[in-house]
Full PDB file with SEQRES, HELIX, SHEET, SSBOND, CRYST1, ORIGX, SCALE, CONECT and MASTER records, all heavy atoms in Angstrom:
SEQRES   1 A   42  ILE LYS ASP ALA ARG GLN LEU THR VAL ASP THR ALA PHE          
SEQRES   2 A   42  GLN MET PRO VAL LEU LYS PRO ALA LEU CYS ALA VAL TRP          
SEQRES   3 A   42  GLN ARG VAL SER ALA SER GLY THR LEU SER GLU SER GLU          
SEQRES   4 A   42  GLN ILE LEU                                                  
HELIX    1 AA1 LYS A    2  GLN A   14  1                                  13    
HELIX    2 AA2 PRO A   16  LEU A   18  5                                   3    
HELIX    3 AA3 LYS A   19  ALA A   31  1                                  13    
HELIX    4 AA4 GLU A   37  ILE A   41  1                                   5    
CRYST1    1.000    1.000    1.000  90.00  90.00  90.00 P 1           1          
ORIGX1      1.000000  0.000000  0.000000        0.00000                         
ORIGX2      0.000000  1.000000  0.000000        0.00000                         
ORIGX3      0.000000  0.000000  1.000000        0.00000                         
SCALE1      1.000000  0.000000  0.000000        0.00000                         
SCALE2      0.000000  1.000000  0.000000        0.00000                         
SCALE3      0.000000  0.000000  1.000000        0.00000                         
ATOM      1  N   ILE A   1      71.295 130.091  74.516  1.00  0.00           N  
ATOM      2  CA  ILE A   1      70.383 131.042  73.750  1.00  0.00           C  
ATOM      3  C   ILE A   1      70.982 131.134  72.294  1.00  0.00           C  
ATOM      4  O   ILE A   1      70.210 131.217  71.335  1.00  0.00           O  
ATOM      5  CB  ILE A   1      70.229 132.329  74.416  1.00  0.00           C  
ATOM      6  CG1 ILE A   1      69.563 132.195  75.797  1.00  0.00           C  
ATOM      7  CG2 ILE A   1      69.519 133.321  73.446  1.00  0.00           C  
ATOM      8  CD1 ILE A   1      68.065 131.621  75.671  1.00  0.00           C  
ATOM      9  N   LYS A   2      72.234 131.225  72.078  1.00  0.00           N  
ATOM     10  CA  LYS A   2      72.897 131.394  70.772  1.00  0.00           C  
ATOM     11  C   LYS A   2      72.651 130.293  69.994  1.00  0.00           C  
ATOM     12  O   LYS A   2      72.239 130.454  68.798  1.00  0.00           O  
ATOM     13  CB  LYS A   2      74.330 131.838  70.794  1.00  0.00           C  
ATOM     14  CG  LYS A   2      74.632 133.226  71.503  1.00  0.00           C  
ATOM     15  CD  LYS A   2      76.119 133.475  71.559  1.00  0.00           C  
ATOM     16  CE  LYS A   2      76.415 134.823  72.063  1.00  0.00           C  
ATOM     17  NZ  LYS A   2      77.758 135.028  72.248  1.00  0.00           N  
ATOM     18  N   ASP A   3      72.718 129.153  70.527  1.00  0.00           N  
ATOM     19  CA  ASP A   3      72.497 127.900  69.645  1.00  0.00           C  
ATOM     20  C   ASP A   3      71.000 127.780  69.397  1.00  0.00           C  
ATOM     21  O   ASP A   3      70.637 127.416  68.156  1.00  0.00           O  
ATOM     22  CB  ASP A   3      72.846 126.617  70.561  1.00  0.00           C  
ATOM     23  CG  ASP A   3      74.302 126.547  70.872  1.00  0.00           C  
ATOM     24  OD1 ASP A   3      75.068 126.946  69.914  1.00  0.00           O  
ATOM     25  OD2 ASP A   3      74.718 125.970  71.787  1.00  0.00           O  
ATOM     26  N   ALA A   4      70.076 128.196  70.333  1.00  0.00           N  
ATOM     27  CA  ALA A   4      68.610 128.112  70.073  1.00  0.00           C  
ATOM     28  C   ALA A   4      68.309 129.105  69.002  1.00  0.00           C  
ATOM     29  O   ALA A   4      67.527 128.886  68.077  1.00  0.00           O  
ATOM     30  CB  ALA A   4      67.800 128.376  71.335  1.00  0.00           C  
ATOM     31  N   ARG A   5      68.906 130.186  69.112  1.00  0.00           N  
ATOM     32  CA  ARG A   5      68.655 131.318  68.083  1.00  0.00           C  
ATOM     33  C   ARG A   5      69.063 130.893  66.699  1.00  0.00           C  
ATOM     34  O   ARG A   5      68.394 131.070  65.637  1.00  0.00           O  
ATOM     35  CB  ARG A   5      69.294 132.602  68.599  1.00  0.00           C  
ATOM     36  CG  ARG A   5      69.086 133.803  67.534  1.00  0.00           C  
ATOM     37  CD  ARG A   5      69.800 135.069  67.940  1.00  0.00           C  
ATOM     38  NE  ARG A   5      69.481 136.066  67.127  1.00  0.00           N  
ATOM     39  CZ  ARG A   5      70.058 136.466  65.885  1.00  0.00           C  
ATOM     40  NH1 ARG A   5      71.063 135.567  65.422  1.00  0.00           N  
ATOM     41  NH2 ARG A   5      69.706 137.405  65.099  1.00  0.00           N  
ATOM     42  N   GLN A   6      70.221 130.406  66.629  1.00  0.00           N  
ATOM     43  CA  GLN A   6      70.822 130.078  65.314  1.00  0.00           C  
ATOM     44  C   GLN A   6      69.936 128.851  64.684  1.00  0.00           C  
ATOM     45  O   GLN A   6      69.621 128.903  63.467  1.00  0.00           O  
ATOM     46  CB  GLN A   6      72.257 129.580  65.420  1.00  0.00           C  
ATOM     47  CG  GLN A   6      72.865 129.287  63.987  1.00  0.00           C  
ATOM     48  CD  GLN A   6      72.847 130.623  63.197  1.00  0.00           C  
ATOM     49  OE1 GLN A   6      73.355 131.645  63.537  1.00  0.00           O  
ATOM     50  NE2 GLN A   6      72.273 130.443  61.971  1.00  0.00           N  
ATOM     51  N   LEU A   7      69.502 127.976  65.457  1.00  0.00           N  
ATOM     52  CA  LEU A   7      68.775 126.829  64.973  1.00  0.00           C  
ATOM     53  C   LEU A   7      67.263 127.387  64.587  1.00  0.00           C  
ATOM     54  O   LEU A   7      66.812 127.016  63.550  1.00  0.00           O  
ATOM     55  CB  LEU A   7      68.548 125.763  66.053  1.00  0.00           C  
ATOM     56  CG  LEU A   7      68.130 124.384  65.568  1.00  0.00           C  
ATOM     57  CD1 LEU A   7      69.028 123.814  64.420  1.00  0.00           C  
ATOM     58  CD2 LEU A   7      68.229 123.550  66.763  1.00  0.00           C  
ATOM     59  N   THR A   8      66.981 128.348  65.239  1.00  0.00           N  
ATOM     60  CA  THR A   8      65.581 128.973  64.903  1.00  0.00           C  
ATOM     61  C   THR A   8      65.785 129.737  63.526  1.00  0.00           C  
ATOM     62  O   THR A   8      64.877 129.607  62.688  1.00  0.00           O  
ATOM     63  CB  THR A   8      65.109 130.149  66.010  1.00  0.00           C  
ATOM     64  OG1 THR A   8      65.004 129.369  67.255  1.00  0.00           O  
ATOM     65  CG2 THR A   8      63.943 130.762  65.655  1.00  0.00           C  
ATOM     66  N   VAL A   9      66.710 130.548  63.344  1.00  0.00           N  
ATOM     67  CA  VAL A   9      66.958 131.306  62.180  1.00  0.00           C  
ATOM     68  C   VAL A   9      67.116 130.340  60.941  1.00  0.00           C  
ATOM     69  O   VAL A   9      66.582 130.519  59.852  1.00  0.00           O  
ATOM     70  CB  VAL A   9      68.142 132.214  62.363  1.00  0.00           C  
ATOM     71  CG1 VAL A   9      68.510 132.781  60.974  1.00  0.00           C  
ATOM     72  CG2 VAL A   9      67.926 133.326  63.293  1.00  0.00           C  
ATOM     73  N   ASP A  10      67.881 129.321  61.091  1.00  0.00           N  
ATOM     74  CA  ASP A  10      68.101 128.279  60.028  1.00  0.00           C  
ATOM     75  C   ASP A  10      66.799 127.569  59.770  1.00  0.00           C  
ATOM     76  O   ASP A  10      66.543 127.484  58.528  1.00  0.00           O  
ATOM     77  CB  ASP A  10      69.147 127.233  60.555  1.00  0.00           C  
ATOM     78  CG  ASP A  10      70.548 127.858  60.600  1.00  0.00           C  
ATOM     79  OD1 ASP A  10      70.835 128.966  60.261  1.00  0.00           O  
ATOM     80  OD2 ASP A  10      71.411 127.144  61.204  1.00  0.00           O  
ATOM     81  N   THR A  11      66.048 127.115  60.666  1.00  0.00           N  
ATOM     82  CA  THR A  11      64.814 126.487  60.509  1.00  0.00           C  
ATOM     83  C   THR A  11      63.833 127.378  59.736  1.00  0.00           C  
ATOM     84  O   THR A  11      63.142 127.060  58.848  1.00  0.00           O  
ATOM     85  CB  THR A  11      64.223 125.858  61.820  1.00  0.00           C  
ATOM     86  OG1 THR A  11      65.145 125.074  62.481  1.00  0.00           O  
ATOM     87  CG2 THR A  11      62.963 125.197  61.601  1.00  0.00           C  
ATOM     88  N   ALA A  12      63.642 128.766  60.282  1.00  0.00           N  
ATOM     89  CA  ALA A  12      62.739 129.581  59.660  1.00  0.00           C  
ATOM     90  C   ALA A  12      63.001 129.951  58.292  1.00  0.00           C  
ATOM     91  O   ALA A  12      62.173 130.052  57.383  1.00  0.00           O  
ATOM     92  CB  ALA A  12      62.741 130.941  60.469  1.00  0.00           C  
ATOM     93  N   PHE A  13      64.290 129.987  57.902  1.00  0.00           N  
ATOM     94  CA  PHE A  13      64.732 130.268  56.473  1.00  0.00           C  
ATOM     95  C   PHE A  13      64.461 129.195  55.582  1.00  0.00           C  
ATOM     96  O   PHE A  13      64.037 129.322  54.603  1.00  0.00           O  
ATOM     97  CB  PHE A  13      66.349 130.625  56.555  1.00  0.00           C  
ATOM     98  CG  PHE A  13      66.843 130.856  55.107  1.00  0.00           C  
ATOM     99  CD1 PHE A  13      66.628 131.985  54.586  1.00  0.00           C  
ATOM    100  CD2 PHE A  13      67.599 129.882  54.558  1.00  0.00           C  
ATOM    101  CE1 PHE A  13      67.132 132.261  53.142  1.00  0.00           C  
ATOM    102  CE2 PHE A  13      67.932 130.017  53.288  1.00  0.00           C  
ATOM    103  CZ  PHE A  13      67.808 131.249  52.426  1.00  0.00           C  
ATOM    104  N   GLN A  14      64.698 127.860  56.100  1.00  0.00           N  
ATOM    105  CA  GLN A  14      64.529 126.646  55.255  1.00  0.00           C  
ATOM    106  C   GLN A  14      63.114 126.325  55.179  1.00  0.00           C  
ATOM    107  O   GLN A  14      62.681 125.711  54.184  1.00  0.00           O  
ATOM    108  CB  GLN A  14      65.453 125.601  55.808  1.00  0.00           C  
ATOM    109  CG  GLN A  14      66.897 125.735  55.669  1.00  0.00           C  
ATOM    110  CD  GLN A  14      67.555 124.639  56.340  1.00  0.00           C  
ATOM    111  OE1 GLN A  14      67.269 123.553  56.129  1.00  0.00           O  
ATOM    112  NE2 GLN A  14      68.631 125.016  57.105  1.00  0.00           N  
ATOM    113  N   MET A  15      62.273 126.664  56.212  1.00  0.00           N  
ATOM    114  CA  MET A  15      60.848 126.190  56.172  1.00  0.00           C  
ATOM    115  C   MET A  15      59.975 127.321  56.783  1.00  0.00           C  
ATOM    116  O   MET A  15      59.703 127.120  57.951  1.00  0.00           O  
ATOM    117  CB  MET A  15      60.796 124.818  56.968  1.00  0.00           C  
ATOM    118  CG  MET A  15      59.504 124.174  56.649  1.00  0.00           C  
ATOM    119  SD  MET A  15      59.629 122.413  57.181  1.00  0.00           S  
ATOM    120  CE  MET A  15      58.242 121.722  56.425  1.00  0.00           C  
ATOM    121  N   PRO A  16      59.793 128.397  56.088  1.00  0.00           N  
ATOM    122  CA  PRO A  16      59.002 129.533  56.735  1.00  0.00           C  
ATOM    123  C   PRO A  16      57.529 129.041  57.266  1.00  0.00           C  
ATOM    124  O   PRO A  16      57.205 129.794  58.258  1.00  0.00           O  
ATOM    125  CB  PRO A  16      58.788 130.473  55.579  1.00  0.00           C  
ATOM    126  CG  PRO A  16      59.913 130.179  54.597  1.00  0.00           C  
ATOM    127  CD  PRO A  16      60.048 128.604  54.772  1.00  0.00           C  
ATOM    128  N   VAL A  17      57.143 128.058  56.906  1.00  0.00           N  
ATOM    129  CA  VAL A  17      55.876 127.584  57.352  1.00  0.00           C  
ATOM    130  C   VAL A  17      55.894 127.315  58.808  1.00  0.00           C  
ATOM    131  O   VAL A  17      54.860 127.282  59.483  1.00  0.00           O  
ATOM    132  CB  VAL A  17      55.176 126.345  56.595  1.00  0.00           C  
ATOM    133  CG1 VAL A  17      55.872 125.252  56.729  1.00  0.00           C  
ATOM    134  CG2 VAL A  17      53.768 126.155  56.838  1.00  0.00           C  
ATOM    135  N   LEU A  18      56.984 126.980  59.412  1.00  0.00           N  
ATOM    136  CA  LEU A  18      57.241 126.793  60.814  1.00  0.00           C  
ATOM    137  C   LEU A  18      57.287 127.942  61.767  1.00  0.00           C  
ATOM    138  O   LEU A  18      57.529 127.905  62.910  1.00  0.00           O  
ATOM    139  CB  LEU A  18      58.413 125.770  61.121  1.00  0.00           C  
ATOM    140  CG  LEU A  18      58.196 124.427  60.495  1.00  0.00           C  
ATOM    141  CD1 LEU A  18      59.571 123.678  60.756  1.00  0.00           C  
ATOM    142  CD2 LEU A  18      57.180 123.708  61.381  1.00  0.00           C  
ATOM    143  N   LYS A  19      57.244 129.120  61.121  1.00  0.00           N  
ATOM    144  CA  LYS A  19      57.546 130.383  61.885  1.00  0.00           C  
ATOM    145  C   LYS A  19      56.539 130.612  63.054  1.00  0.00           C  
ATOM    146  O   LYS A  19      56.949 130.837  64.145  1.00  0.00           O  
ATOM    147  CB  LYS A  19      57.494 131.636  60.872  1.00  0.00           C  
ATOM    148  CG  LYS A  19      58.759 131.788  60.159  1.00  0.00           C  
ATOM    149  CD  LYS A  19      58.652 132.991  59.285  1.00  0.00           C  
ATOM    150  CE  LYS A  19      59.912 133.316  58.565  1.00  0.00           C  
ATOM    151  NZ  LYS A  19      60.033 134.482  57.933  1.00  0.00           N  
ATOM    152  N   PRO A  20      55.178 130.241  62.960  1.00  0.00           N  
ATOM    153  CA  PRO A  20      54.331 130.243  63.978  1.00  0.00           C  
ATOM    154  C   PRO A  20      54.717 129.249  65.095  1.00  0.00           C  
ATOM    155  O   PRO A  20      54.660 129.694  66.244  1.00  0.00           O  
ATOM    156  CB  PRO A  20      53.013 129.958  63.384  1.00  0.00           C  
ATOM    157  CG  PRO A  20      53.056 130.369  62.107  1.00  0.00           C  
ATOM    158  CD  PRO A  20      54.489 129.959  61.629  1.00  0.00           C  
ATOM    159  N   ALA A  21      55.115 128.122  64.695  1.00  0.00           N  
ATOM    160  CA  ALA A  21      55.418 127.057  65.742  1.00  0.00           C  
ATOM    161  C   ALA A  21      56.823 127.512  66.507  1.00  0.00           C  
ATOM    162  O   ALA A  21      56.883 127.342  67.710  1.00  0.00           O  
ATOM    163  CB  ALA A  21      55.686 125.798  65.101  1.00  0.00           C  
ATOM    164  N   LEU A  22      57.704 128.096  65.757  1.00  0.00           N  
ATOM    165  CA  LEU A  22      58.939 128.501  66.284  1.00  0.00           C  
ATOM    166  C   LEU A  22      58.649 129.633  67.349  1.00  0.00           C  
ATOM    167  O   LEU A  22      59.201 129.738  68.428  1.00  0.00           O  
ATOM    168  CB  LEU A  22      59.999 128.956  65.159  1.00  0.00           C  
ATOM    169  CG  LEU A  22      60.533 127.943  64.349  1.00  0.00           C  
ATOM    170  CD1 LEU A  22      61.014 128.602  63.082  1.00  0.00           C  
ATOM    171  CD2 LEU A  22      61.677 127.191  65.124  1.00  0.00           C  
ATOM    172  N   CYS A  23      57.786 130.600  66.871  1.00  0.00           N  
ATOM    173  CA  CYS A  23      57.485 131.697  67.781  1.00  0.00           C  
ATOM    174  C   CYS A  23      56.704 131.134  69.070  1.00  0.00           C  
ATOM    175  O   CYS A  23      57.000 131.682  70.167  1.00  0.00           O  
ATOM    176  CB  CYS A  23      56.416 132.541  66.989  1.00  0.00           C  
ATOM    177  SG  CYS A  23      56.525 134.351  67.696  1.00  0.00           S  
ATOM    178  N   ALA A  24      55.814 130.139  68.856  1.00  0.00           N  
ATOM    179  CA  ALA A  24      55.247 129.499  70.061  1.00  0.00           C  
ATOM    180  C   ALA A  24      56.255 128.982  71.078  1.00  0.00           C  
ATOM    181  O   ALA A  24      56.102 129.048  72.376  1.00  0.00           O  
ATOM    182  CB  ALA A  24      54.173 128.540  69.751  1.00  0.00           C  
ATOM    183  N   VAL A  25      57.336 128.447  70.556  1.00  0.00           N  
ATOM    184  CA  VAL A  25      58.342 127.907  71.342  1.00  0.00           C  
ATOM    185  C   VAL A  25      59.008 128.955  72.218  1.00  0.00           C  
ATOM    186  O   VAL A  25      59.163 128.943  73.365  1.00  0.00           O  
ATOM    187  CB  VAL A  25      59.438 127.182  70.543  1.00  0.00           C  
ATOM    188  CG1 VAL A  25      60.692 126.913  71.339  1.00  0.00           C  
ATOM    189  CG2 VAL A  25      58.869 125.858  70.014  1.00  0.00           C  
ATOM    190  N   TRP A  26      59.401 130.075  71.515  1.00  0.00           N  
ATOM    191  CA  TRP A  26      59.904 131.133  72.180  1.00  0.00           C  
ATOM    192  C   TRP A  26      58.967 131.825  73.128  1.00  0.00           C  
ATOM    193  O   TRP A  26      59.440 132.317  74.166  1.00  0.00           O  
ATOM    194  CB  TRP A  26      60.540 132.231  71.104  1.00  0.00           C  
ATOM    195  CG  TRP A  26      61.772 131.708  70.681  1.00  0.00           C  
ATOM    196  CD1 TRP A  26      62.001 131.049  69.264  1.00  0.00           C  
ATOM    197  CD2 TRP A  26      63.119 131.677  71.252  1.00  0.00           C  
ATOM    198  NE1 TRP A  26      63.281 130.693  69.242  1.00  0.00           N  
ATOM    199  CE2 TRP A  26      64.014 131.119  70.317  1.00  0.00           C  
ATOM    200  CE3 TRP A  26      63.658 132.278  72.374  1.00  0.00           C  
ATOM    201  CZ2 TRP A  26      65.387 130.874  70.672  1.00  0.00           C  
ATOM    202  CZ3 TRP A  26      64.912 132.029  72.659  1.00  0.00           C  
ATOM    203  CH2 TRP A  26      65.765 131.552  71.806  1.00  0.00           C  
ATOM    204  N   GLN A  27      57.684 131.868  72.873  1.00  0.00           N  
ATOM    205  CA  GLN A  27      56.772 132.351  73.772  1.00  0.00           C  
ATOM    206  C   GLN A  27      56.787 131.537  75.188  1.00  0.00           C  
ATOM    207  O   GLN A  27      56.618 132.082  76.232  1.00  0.00           O  
ATOM    208  CB  GLN A  27      55.437 132.525  73.280  1.00  0.00           C  
ATOM    209  CG  GLN A  27      55.303 133.791  72.135  1.00  0.00           C  
ATOM    210  CD  GLN A  27      53.894 133.823  71.516  1.00  0.00           C  
ATOM    211  OE1 GLN A  27      53.187 132.764  71.417  1.00  0.00           O  
ATOM    212  NE2 GLN A  27      53.602 135.027  71.220  1.00  0.00           N  
ATOM    213  N   ARG A  28      56.802 130.332  74.939  1.00  0.00           N  
ATOM    214  CA  ARG A  28      56.747 129.324  76.127  1.00  0.00           C  
ATOM    215  C   ARG A  28      58.012 129.484  76.920  1.00  0.00           C  
ATOM    216  O   ARG A  28      57.998 129.553  78.196  1.00  0.00           O  
ATOM    217  CB  ARG A  28      56.725 127.835  75.547  1.00  0.00           C  
ATOM    218  CG  ARG A  28      55.398 127.186  75.465  1.00  0.00           C  
ATOM    219  CD  ARG A  28      55.488 125.610  75.442  1.00  0.00           C  
ATOM    220  NE  ARG A  28      56.331 125.098  74.446  1.00  0.00           N  
ATOM    221  CZ  ARG A  28      56.167 125.081  73.078  1.00  0.00           C  
ATOM    222  NH1 ARG A  28      54.926 125.392  72.735  1.00  0.00           N  
ATOM    223  NH2 ARG A  28      57.084 124.549  72.281  1.00  0.00           N  
ATOM    224  N   VAL A  29      59.252 129.570  76.226  1.00  0.00           N  
ATOM    225  CA  VAL A  29      60.460 129.787  77.003  1.00  0.00           C  
ATOM    226  C   VAL A  29      60.330 131.088  77.658  1.00  0.00           C  
ATOM    227  O   VAL A  29      60.727 131.157  78.846  1.00  0.00           O  
ATOM    228  CB  VAL A  29      61.537 129.712  75.978  1.00  0.00           C  
ATOM    229  CG1 VAL A  29      62.898 130.213  76.675  1.00  0.00           C  
ATOM    230  CG2 VAL A  29      61.722 128.294  75.396  1.00  0.00           C  
ATOM    231  N   SER A  30      59.867 132.117  77.054  1.00  0.00           N  
ATOM    232  CA  SER A  30      59.869 133.421  77.735  1.00  0.00           C  
ATOM    233  C   SER A  30      58.914 133.487  78.979  1.00  0.00           C  
ATOM    234  O   SER A  30      59.216 134.036  80.008  1.00  0.00           O  
ATOM    235  CB  SER A  30      59.317 134.487  76.792  1.00  0.00           C  
ATOM    236  OG  SER A  30      60.247 134.715  75.758  1.00  0.00           O  
ATOM    237  N   ALA A  31      57.781 132.751  78.913  1.00  0.00           N  
ATOM    238  CA  ALA A  31      57.023 132.557  79.986  1.00  0.00           C  
ATOM    239  C   ALA A  31      57.385 131.608  81.119  1.00  0.00           C  
ATOM    240  O   ALA A  31      56.854 131.679  82.166  1.00  0.00           O  
ATOM    241  CB  ALA A  31      55.478 132.127  79.500  1.00  0.00           C  
ATOM    242  N   SER A  32      58.478 130.838  80.818  1.00  0.00           N  
ATOM    243  CA  SER A  32      58.843 129.887  81.837  1.00  0.00           C  
ATOM    244  C   SER A  32      59.471 130.496  82.997  1.00  0.00           C  
ATOM    245  O   SER A  32      59.799 129.734  84.032  1.00  0.00           O  
ATOM    246  CB  SER A  32      59.830 128.842  81.197  1.00  0.00           C  
ATOM    247  OG  SER A  32      61.115 129.443  80.878  1.00  0.00           O  
ATOM    248  N   GLY A  33      59.967 131.783  82.930  1.00  0.00           N  
ATOM    249  CA  GLY A  33      60.759 132.236  84.051  1.00  0.00           C  
ATOM    250  C   GLY A  33      62.249 131.794  84.142  1.00  0.00           C  
ATOM    251  O   GLY A  33      62.950 132.140  85.162  1.00  0.00           O  
ATOM    252  N   THR A  34      62.693 131.119  83.171  1.00  0.00           N  
ATOM    253  CA  THR A  34      64.162 130.667  83.145  1.00  0.00           C  
ATOM    254  C   THR A  34      65.114 131.580  82.487  1.00  0.00           C  
ATOM    255  O   THR A  34      66.290 131.453  82.701  1.00  0.00           O  
ATOM    256  CB  THR A  34      64.220 129.282  82.553  1.00  0.00           C  
ATOM    257  OG1 THR A  34      63.767 129.312  81.129  1.00  0.00           O  
ATOM    258  CG2 THR A  34      63.344 128.277  83.233  1.00  0.00           C  
ATOM    259  N   LEU A  35      64.572 132.625  81.851  1.00  0.00           N  
ATOM    260  CA  LEU A  35      65.506 133.423  81.060  1.00  0.00           C  
ATOM    261  C   LEU A  35      65.879 134.734  81.946  1.00  0.00           C  
ATOM    262  O   LEU A  35      65.180 135.198  82.655  1.00  0.00           O  
ATOM    263  CB  LEU A  35      64.945 133.922  79.760  1.00  0.00           C  
ATOM    264  CG  LEU A  35      64.436 132.964  78.771  1.00  0.00           C  
ATOM    265  CD1 LEU A  35      63.861 133.513  77.512  1.00  0.00           C  
ATOM    266  CD2 LEU A  35      65.655 132.104  78.400  1.00  0.00           C  
ATOM    267  N   SER A  36      67.165 135.046  81.812  1.00  0.00           N  
ATOM    268  CA  SER A  36      67.664 136.384  82.329  1.00  0.00           C  
ATOM    269  C   SER A  36      67.081 137.531  81.640  1.00  0.00           C  
ATOM    270  O   SER A  36      66.377 137.391  80.605  1.00  0.00           O  
ATOM    271  CB  SER A  36      69.261 136.390  82.343  1.00  0.00           C  
ATOM    272  OG  SER A  36      69.570 136.660  80.942  1.00  0.00           O  
ATOM    273  N   GLU A  37      67.217 138.673  82.201  1.00  0.00           N  
ATOM    274  CA  GLU A  37      66.564 139.955  81.465  1.00  0.00           C  
ATOM    275  C   GLU A  37      67.128 140.102  80.121  1.00  0.00           C  
ATOM    276  O   GLU A  37      66.369 140.371  79.207  1.00  0.00           O  
ATOM    277  CB  GLU A  37      66.988 141.162  82.329  1.00  0.00           C  
ATOM    278  CG  GLU A  37      66.209 142.386  81.823  1.00  0.00           C  
ATOM    279  CD  GLU A  37      66.540 143.550  82.746  1.00  0.00           C  
ATOM    280  OE1 GLU A  37      66.644 143.429  83.862  1.00  0.00           O  
ATOM    281  OE2 GLU A  37      66.448 144.699  82.262  1.00  0.00           O  
ATOM    282  N   SER A  38      68.421 139.950  79.895  1.00  0.00           N  
ATOM    283  CA  SER A  38      69.021 140.030  78.577  1.00  0.00           C  
ATOM    284  C   SER A  38      68.489 138.993  77.560  1.00  0.00           C  
ATOM    285  O   SER A  38      68.259 139.207  76.446  1.00  0.00           O  
ATOM    286  CB  SER A  38      70.583 140.190  78.661  1.00  0.00           C  
ATOM    287  OG  SER A  38      71.090 138.944  79.093  1.00  0.00           O  
ATOM    288  N   GLU A  39      68.331 137.667  78.154  1.00  0.00           N  
ATOM    289  CA  GLU A  39      67.797 136.583  77.354  1.00  0.00           C  
ATOM    290  C   GLU A  39      66.437 136.929  76.960  1.00  0.00           C  
ATOM    291  O   GLU A  39      66.036 136.580  75.891  1.00  0.00           O  
ATOM    292  CB  GLU A  39      67.992 135.345  78.087  1.00  0.00           C  
ATOM    293  CG  GLU A  39      69.518 134.800  78.159  1.00  0.00           C  
ATOM    294  CD  GLU A  39      69.667 133.750  79.125  1.00  0.00           C  
ATOM    295  OE1 GLU A  39      68.739 133.499  80.061  1.00  0.00           O  
ATOM    296  OE2 GLU A  39      70.650 132.962  78.914  1.00  0.00           O  
ATOM    297  N   GLN A  40      65.719 137.552  77.891  1.00  0.00           N  
ATOM    298  CA  GLN A  40      64.197 137.902  77.645  1.00  0.00           C  
ATOM    299  C   GLN A  40      64.190 138.855  76.486  1.00  0.00           C  
ATOM    300  O   GLN A  40      63.411 138.728  75.580  1.00  0.00           O  
ATOM    301  CB  GLN A  40      63.477 138.464  78.933  1.00  0.00           C  
ATOM    302  CG  GLN A  40      63.133 137.500  79.732  1.00  0.00           C  
ATOM    303  CD  GLN A  40      61.910 136.712  79.347  1.00  0.00           C  
ATOM    304  OE1 GLN A  40      61.479 136.608  78.281  1.00  0.00           O  
ATOM    305  NE2 GLN A  40      61.093 136.260  80.344  1.00  0.00           N  
ATOM    306  N   ILE A  41      65.154 139.817  76.457  1.00  0.00           N  
ATOM    307  CA  ILE A  41      65.175 140.863  75.384  1.00  0.00           C  
ATOM    308  C   ILE A  41      65.363 140.052  74.108  1.00  0.00           C  
ATOM    309  O   ILE A  41      64.809 140.377  73.100  1.00  0.00           O  
ATOM    310  CB  ILE A  41      66.050 141.888  75.675  1.00  0.00           C  
ATOM    311  CG1 ILE A  41      65.635 142.767  76.894  1.00  0.00           C  
ATOM    312  CG2 ILE A  41      66.425 142.814  74.497  1.00  0.00           C  
ATOM    313  CD1 ILE A  41      66.684 143.709  77.612  1.00  0.00           C  
ATOM    314  N   LEU A  42      66.368 139.186  74.055  1.00  0.00           N  
ATOM    315  CA  LEU A  42      66.758 138.532  72.890  1.00  0.00           C  
ATOM    316  C   LEU A  42      65.583 137.579  72.444  1.00  0.00           C  
ATOM    317  O   LEU A  42      65.350 137.614  71.186  1.00  0.00           O  
ATOM    318  CB  LEU A  42      67.960 137.574  73.104  1.00  0.00           C  
ATOM    319  CG  LEU A  42      68.447 136.790  71.882  1.00  0.00           C  
ATOM    320  CD1 LEU A  42      68.826 137.698  70.605  1.00  0.00           C  
ATOM    321  CD2 LEU A  42      69.707 135.993  72.255  1.00  0.00           C  
TER     322      LEU A  42                                                      
MASTER        0    0    0    4    0    0    0    6  321    1    0    4          
END                                                                             
């Protein structure tokens, strides 16, 4: 998660137009059932 978060932050900062796509990625991951409760919060 920390690697994914850092890459997300860096990408969003460098190319803000990708924010909706980045958010969609995180929504898919959240819906996948693979995250722990603390990871879901993050």
